Amino acid sequence: MNATYNIYRQTNGNSVAWVDRVQGLRQAEERVLHLSQACPGSYIIYDVRERTVIMPGAACFAGATA
């Protein structure tokens, strides 16, 4: 069973807004890529099971173009 990840978008200041919930880290990374192309900004992936924040990094955005 894949882990569940929540995706948040950073808003003004230190606030975040919930965007989506997906199964699996790869799906979370792909969703963040799609979101960042449609609405540029900073996104955070949160591992619900481990209660940890995964900051999308170079691996996540390897396929992104400017």
Protein backbone atom coordinates (compact mmCIF):
# COMPACT_ATOMS: atom_id res chain seq x y z
CA MET A 1 0.00 0.00 0.00
CA ASN A 2 1.33 3.41 -0.97
CA ALA A 3 1.69 6.10 1.65
CA THR A 4 -0.68 9.06 1.62
CA TYR A 5 0.69 12.54 0.94
CA ASN A 6 -0.99 15.91 1.29
CA ILE A 7 0.06 18.74 -1.00
CA TYR A 8 0.00 22.31 0.22
CA ARG A 9 0.72 25.60 -1.54
CA GLN A 10 2.59 28.27 0.37
CA THR A 11 0.63 31.49 0.50
CA ASN A 12 1.50 34.91 1.90
CA GLY A 13 3.86 34.80 4.84
CA ASN A 14 4.08 31.46 6.62
CA SER A 15 0.60 30.25 5.70
CA VAL A 16 -0.20 27.24 3.56
CA ALA A 17 -3.33 26.14 1.75
CA TRP A 18 -4.28 22.50 1.24
CA VAL A 19 -4.40 21.57 -2.44
CA ASP A 20 -4.70 17.79 -2.83
CA ARG A 21 -4.17 14.32 -1.34
CA VAL A 22 -2.51 11.55 -3.34
CA GLN A 23 -1.23 8.00 -2.88
CA GLY A 24 2.51 7.47 -3.35
CA LEU A 25 5.48 9.81 -3.39
CA ARG A 26 5.93 9.60 -7.16
CA GLN A 27 2.31 10.68 -7.68
CA ALA A 28 2.82 13.54 -5.23
CA GLU A 29 5.90 14.72 -7.12
CA GLU A 30 4.08 14.49 -10.46
CA ARG A 31 1.11 16.40 -9.04
CA VAL A 32 3.40 19.17 -7.74
CA LEU A 33 5.03 19.41 -11.19
CA HIS A 34 1.62 19.77 -12.81
CA LEU A 35 0.47 22.32 -10.23
CA SER A 36 3.64 24.40 -10.52
CA GLN A 37 3.22 24.62 -14.29
CA ALA A 38 -0.43 25.66 -14.00
CA CYS A 39 0.05 27.98 -11.00
CA PRO A 40 3.70 28.79 -10.22
CA GLY A 41 4.55 28.95 -6.55
CA SER A 42 6.03 27.01 -3.67
CA TYR A 43 4.49 23.65 -2.84
CA ILE A 44 5.02 21.32 0.11
CA ILE A 45 4.49 17.57 0.20
CA TYR A 46 3.49 16.23 3.61
CA ASP A 47 3.84 12.53 4.47
CA VAL A 48 0.73 11.76 6.52
CA ARG A 49 1.97 8.44 7.92
CA GLU A 50 5.43 9.67 8.96
CA ARG A 51 4.22 13.18 9.85
CA THR A 52 7.09 14.77 7.96
CA VAL A 53 7.38 17.53 5.41
CA ILE A 54 9.06 16.75 2.13
CA MET A 55 10.25 19.89 0.40
CA PRO A 56 10.20 19.27 -3.35
CA GLY A 57 13.76 19.56 -4.58
CA ALA A 58 15.84 18.97 -7.67
CA ALA A 59 14.63 15.39 -8.12
CA CYS A 60 11.02 16.51 -8.10
CA PHE A 61 11.54 19.28 -10.64
CA ALA A 62 14.06 17.53 -12.89
CA GLY A 63 11.54 17.51 -15.75
CA ALA A 64 10.33 21.07 -15.28
CA THR A 65 11.18 23.80 -17.76
CA ALA A 66 11.32 27.52 -17.12
